[in-house]
Amino acid sequence: DEIPKLLQTVKEGKAVANFITTQKTKQGKNVLLSLNVSPIKDNSGQITRAAVICRDVTENEKSKVVKATLLTEKDELLDRLQLQMESMPIACILSNQSFHFTYWNPAAERTFGYTFQEVKGTLAKDSIVPPAEVSAVEELIQKLIKGDIKGRDATLAKNVRKDGRIIICEWYNTPLRDSAGNFLGLMSMAIDVTERQKSEETRSQLGAIVQQTTDAVIGSDLKGRIFTWNRGAETMLGYHSEEIVG
């Protein structure tokens, strides 16, 4: 039905531009064409013929469809990613090329005490990095950008909460790059390990005390297997720890 309608439009003295239609080749293959149809007049001014310019836009249209599909999938992926980041139990922070905060999830708000609106567009040194730690953090970021260290390597750092309390966080920083390798920003994840660090320090101190005391300190399980044997026990009973543990 398309061609008669196009010709009727031309008979009325009107041109048709960029009319998209599907046609078949001699081999039976469908092609997508863009038609420009213009009226041709004789010497008396009567419209007697039509000039048709066809352009095969099959690949172009396929490309547009693929691009539109990819953009839709990208948007859906970003939405899912944001939902995951919003529900993550650990702090997740995004920053741009200039290291200004562009995203800050609810866990980050709980960890550092600031809402995203309070830190949006600011630098880490303006809020969560103590003055004494600024140079160390900047040096670490430069190493990340240059690829000297990997983002999956954990880094311990002192941070300061909105209420002024100093906490110790375990950071995982990943540089974000485009397809050409240009630096776009940072994705950072942080876990508050303050209490864990305190527990480890306490255990370390207690372990040092146990090792240095002259009394024999021996630990065993309910089956009598020895798992702790200090230097006092070695001096008193003659067995080295390597000989007796287990």
Protein backbone atom coordinates (compact mmCIF):
# COMPACT_ATOMS: atom_id res chain seq x y z
CA ASP A 1 0.00 0.00 0.00
CA GLU A 2 2.96 2.34 0.44
CA ILE A 3 3.92 3.17 -3.16
CA PRO A 4 0.43 4.28 -4.34
CA LYS A 5 0.14 6.56 -1.30
CA LEU A 6 3.57 8.07 -1.99
CA LEU A 7 2.67 8.68 -5.64
CA GLN A 8 -0.63 10.27 -4.66
CA THR A 9 1.28 12.69 -2.41
CA VAL A 10 3.58 13.52 -5.34
CA LYS A 11 0.57 14.07 -7.69
CA GLU A 12 -0.58 16.70 -5.21
CA GLY A 13 2.71 18.52 -5.77
CA LYS A 14 4.29 17.56 -2.46
CA ALA A 15 7.68 15.94 -1.93
CA VAL A 16 8.23 13.06 0.50
CA ALA A 17 11.43 13.04 2.55
CA ASN A 18 13.07 10.20 4.51
CA PHE A 19 10.22 7.73 4.17
CA ILE A 20 11.40 4.48 5.79
CA THR A 21 10.17 1.30 4.15
CA THR A 22 11.10 -2.39 4.04
CA GLN A 23 11.60 -3.85 0.54
CA LYS A 24 12.90 -7.10 -0.90
CA THR A 25 15.97 -7.63 -3.08
CA LYS A 26 16.01 -9.98 -6.06
CA GLN A 27 17.51 -12.60 -3.76
CA GLY A 28 14.57 -12.27 -1.34
CA LYS A 29 16.51 -10.43 1.36
CA ASN A 30 14.70 -7.72 3.31
CA VAL A 31 16.34 -4.30 3.21
CA LEU A 32 15.43 -1.12 5.02
CA LEU A 33 15.30 1.89 2.68
CA SER A 34 14.98 5.61 3.15
CA LEU A 35 13.07 7.14 0.23
CA ASN A 36 13.02 10.75 -0.97
CA VAL A 37 10.27 11.18 -3.61
CA SER A 38 9.91 14.41 -5.59
CA PRO A 39 7.45 15.46 -8.36
CA ILE A 40 8.74 16.09 -11.89
CA LYS A 41 6.81 18.54 -14.09
CA ASP A 42 6.65 18.83 -17.87
CA ASN A 43 6.94 22.09 -19.86
CA SER A 44 3.32 22.96 -19.13
CA GLY A 45 3.82 22.56 -15.39
CA GLN A 46 1.92 19.29 -15.10
CA ILE A 47 3.29 16.61 -12.77
CA THR A 48 4.06 13.65 -15.00
CA ARG A 49 6.69 11.67 -13.17
CA ALA A 50 8.34 11.12 -9.80
CA ALA A 51 12.04 11.13 -8.95
CA VAL A 52 12.95 8.62 -6.25
CA ILE A 53 16.21 8.52 -4.32
CA CYS A 54 16.74 5.34 -2.28
CA ARG A 55 19.27 4.92 0.48
CA ASP A 56 19.91 1.57 2.16
CA VAL A 57 19.77 2.25 5.91
CA THR A 58 19.59 -1.38 7.04
CA GLU A 59 22.94 -1.35 8.84
CA ASN A 60 22.37 2.13 10.22
CA GLU A 61 19.05 1.11 11.69
CA LYS A 62 20.56 -2.08 13.09
CA SER A 63 23.27 0.00 14.70
CA LYS A 64 20.66 2.34 16.18
CA VAL A 65 18.72 -0.61 17.57
CA VAL A 66 21.86 -2.17 19.04
CA LYS A 67 22.92 1.17 20.51
CA ALA A 68 19.49 1.76 22.00
CA THR A 69 19.48 -1.77 23.45
CA LEU A 70 22.95 -1.29 24.95
CA LEU A 71 21.96 2.05 26.45
CA THR A 72 18.86 0.48 27.98
CA GLU A 73 20.89 -2.41 29.38
CA LYS A 74 23.46 0.06 30.69
CA ASP A 75 20.77 2.08 32.46
CA GLU A 76 19.28 -1.10 33.95
CA LEU A 77 22.74 -2.26 35.07
CA LEU A 78 23.46 1.11 36.70
CA ASP A 79 20.10 1.00 38.47
CA ARG A 80 20.83 -2.50 39.79
CA LEU A 81 24.34 -1.46 40.80
CA GLN A 82 23.03 1.54 42.70
CA LEU A 83 20.46 -0.63 44.49
CA GLN A 84 23.23 -3.03 45.50
CA MET A 85 25.45 -0.19 46.68
CA GLU A 86 22.56 1.32 48.65
CA SER A 87 22.01 -1.97 50.50
CA MET A 88 25.68 -2.85 51.01
CA PRO A 89 26.72 -3.17 54.70
CA ILE A 90 30.07 -1.49 54.03
CA ALA A 91 30.78 2.10 53.08
CA CYS A 92 30.92 2.68 49.32
CA ILE A 93 32.13 6.02 47.97
CA LEU A 94 32.62 7.35 44.43
CA SER A 95 34.74 10.36 43.52
CA ASN A 96 35.52 12.07 40.20
CA GLN A 97 38.82 12.95 38.49
CA SER A 98 39.35 15.80 40.94
CA PHE A 99 38.56 13.46 43.88
CA HIS A 100 35.37 15.29 44.82
CA PHE A 101 32.69 12.99 46.24
CA THR A 102 29.95 12.10 43.75
CA TYR A 103 28.31 9.22 45.64
CA TRP A 104 28.13 8.13 49.28
CA ASN A 105 25.93 5.20 50.31
CA PRO A 106 23.93 4.81 53.58
CA ALA A 107 26.66 2.61 55.10
CA ALA A 108 29.14 5.47 54.55
CA GLU A 109 26.74 7.78 56.36
CA ARG A 110 26.66 5.37 59.31
CA THR A 111 30.43 4.90 59.30
CA PHE A 112 31.47 8.54 59.09
CA GLY A 113 28.39 10.33 60.47
CA TYR A 114 27.92 12.65 57.46
CA THR A 115 24.96 12.52 55.08
CA PHE A 116 25.81 12.53 51.38
CA GLN A 117 24.38 16.03 50.98
CA GLU A 118 26.87 17.28 53.59
CA VAL A 119 29.91 15.93 51.71
CA LYS A 120 28.70 16.05 48.08
CA GLY A 121 31.29 17.78 45.89
CA THR A 122 33.86 18.04 48.70
CA LEU A 123 37.26 16.38 49.14
CA ALA A 124 38.08 13.65 51.66
CA LYS A 125 40.48 15.98 53.48
CA ASP A 126 37.57 18.37 54.09
CA SER A 127 35.76 15.82 56.24
CA ILE A 128 37.01 12.29 56.92
CA VAL A 129 40.82 12.48 56.63
CA PRO A 130 42.67 13.88 59.70
CA PRO A 131 45.17 16.66 58.81
CA ALA A 132 48.13 14.47 59.81
CA GLU A 133 47.03 11.79 57.28
CA VAL A 134 46.39 14.02 54.24
CA SER A 135 49.83 13.67 52.63
CA ALA A 136 49.83 9.88 53.07
CA VAL A 137 46.39 9.60 51.45
CA GLU A 138 47.38 11.82 48.51
CA GLU A 139 50.52 9.74 47.96
CA LEU A 140 48.44 6.54 48.02
CA ILE A 141 46.00 7.95 45.44
CA GLN A 142 48.82 8.89 43.08
CA LYS A 143 50.23 5.36 43.31
CA LEU A 144 46.79 3.96 42.50
CA ILE A 145 46.43 6.19 39.43
CA LYS A 146 49.89 5.19 38.16
CA GLY A 147 49.12 1.49 38.78
CA ASP A 148 51.93 1.08 41.31
CA ILE A 149 49.53 -0.67 43.69
CA LYS A 150 46.40 -2.70 43.02
CA GLY A 151 42.95 -1.61 44.12
CA ARG A 152 42.24 -5.00 45.68
CA ASP A 153 45.05 -4.49 48.21
CA ALA A 154 43.65 -3.45 51.58
CA THR A 155 44.97 -0.28 53.19
CA LEU A 156 44.55 0.65 56.86
CA ALA A 157 44.03 4.34 57.56
CA LYS A 158 42.93 6.62 60.36
CA ASN A 159 39.75 8.55 59.66
CA VAL A 160 37.72 11.07 61.59
CA ARG A 161 33.95 10.96 62.04
CA LYS A 162 31.66 13.98 62.06
CA ASP A 163 31.57 13.79 65.89
CA GLY A 164 35.38 14.06 65.96
CA ARG A 165 36.04 10.44 66.96
CA ILE A 166 39.05 8.84 65.30
CA ILE A 167 38.37 5.44 63.73
CA ILE A 168 40.52 2.97 61.81
CA CYS A 169 39.17 1.85 58.44
CA GLU A 170 40.24 -0.84 56.02
CA TRP A 171 40.07 0.71 52.53
CA TYR A 172 39.78 -0.90 49.10
CA ASN A 173 40.31 1.69 46.33
CA THR A 174 39.77 0.98 42.63
CA PRO A 175 40.68 3.50 39.90
CA LEU A 176 37.93 3.95 37.29
CA ARG A 177 39.09 4.33 33.68
CA ASP A 178 37.48 4.70 30.26
CA SER A 179 38.14 2.38 27.30
CA ALA A 180 41.25 4.42 26.41
CA GLY A 181 42.68 4.01 29.90
CA ASN A 182 42.08 7.60 30.98
CA PHE A 183 41.50 8.09 34.70
CA LEU A 184 37.87 8.94 35.51
CA GLY A 185 37.74 8.70 39.29
CA LEU A 186 37.82 6.33 42.25
CA MET A 187 35.49 3.74 43.71
CA SER A 188 36.34 3.24 47.37
CA MET A 189 35.00 0.79 49.94
CA ALA A 190 35.70 1.18 53.65
CA ILE A 191 35.17 -1.07 56.66
CA ASP A 192 35.40 0.27 60.22
CA VAL A 193 37.89 -2.08 61.92
CA THR A 194 38.54 0.06 65.01
CA GLU A 195 37.29 -2.55 67.50
CA ARG A 196 39.01 -5.36 65.63
CA GLN A 197 42.30 -3.46 65.74
CA LYS A 198 41.88 -2.85 69.46
CA SER A 199 41.21 -6.56 70.05
CA GLU A 200 44.26 -7.55 68.01
CA GLU A 201 46.43 -5.08 69.93
CA THR A 202 45.12 -6.46 73.24
CA ARG A 203 45.76 -10.05 72.15
CA SER A 204 49.25 -9.08 71.01
CA GLN A 205 50.00 -7.43 74.34
CA LEU A 206 48.66 -10.40 76.30
CA GLY A 207 50.65 -12.77 74.10
CA ALA A 208 53.83 -10.81 74.79
CA ILE A 209 53.15 -10.94 78.53
CA VAL A 210 52.51 -14.69 78.42
CA GLN A 211 55.72 -15.30 76.47
CA GLN A 212 57.89 -13.19 78.77
CA THR A 213 56.64 -14.48 82.14
CA THR A 214 58.86 -17.02 83.94
CA ASP A 215 55.79 -19.04 85.00
CA ALA A 216 54.81 -21.98 82.83
CA VAL A 217 51.66 -21.14 80.88
CA ILE A 218 50.17 -24.16 79.12
CA GLY A 219 46.89 -24.37 77.17
CA SER A 220 45.19 -27.61 76.15
CA ASP A 221 41.89 -28.63 74.62
CA LEU A 222 39.37 -30.97 76.26
CA LYS A 223 41.21 -33.97 74.85
CA GLY A 224 44.46 -32.87 76.46
CA ARG A 225 46.18 -31.70 73.26
CA ILE A 226 48.52 -28.81 73.98
CA PHE A 227 48.05 -25.67 71.88
CA THR A 228 49.92 -23.08 74.00
CA TRP A 229 53.41 -23.53 75.53
CA ASN A 230 55.29 -20.42 76.61
CA ARG A 231 58.96 -19.81 77.30
CA GLY A 232 58.40 -20.35 81.02
CA ALA A 233 57.11 -23.85 80.23
CA GLU A 234 60.15 -24.49 78.01
CA THR A 235 62.52 -23.44 80.84
CA MET A 236 60.66 -25.36 83.55
CA LEU A 237 59.90 -28.60 81.66
CA GLY A 238 62.63 -28.72 79.02
CA TYR A 239 60.48 -29.17 75.90
CA HIS A 240 60.53 -26.56 73.18
CA SER A 241 57.18 -25.30 71.85
CA GLU A 242 57.78 -26.98 68.46
CA GLU A 243 58.21 -30.35 70.19
CA ILE A 244 55.15 -30.25 72.37
CA VAL A 245 52.36 -28.26 70.68
CA GLY A 246 49.79 -30.63 69.23
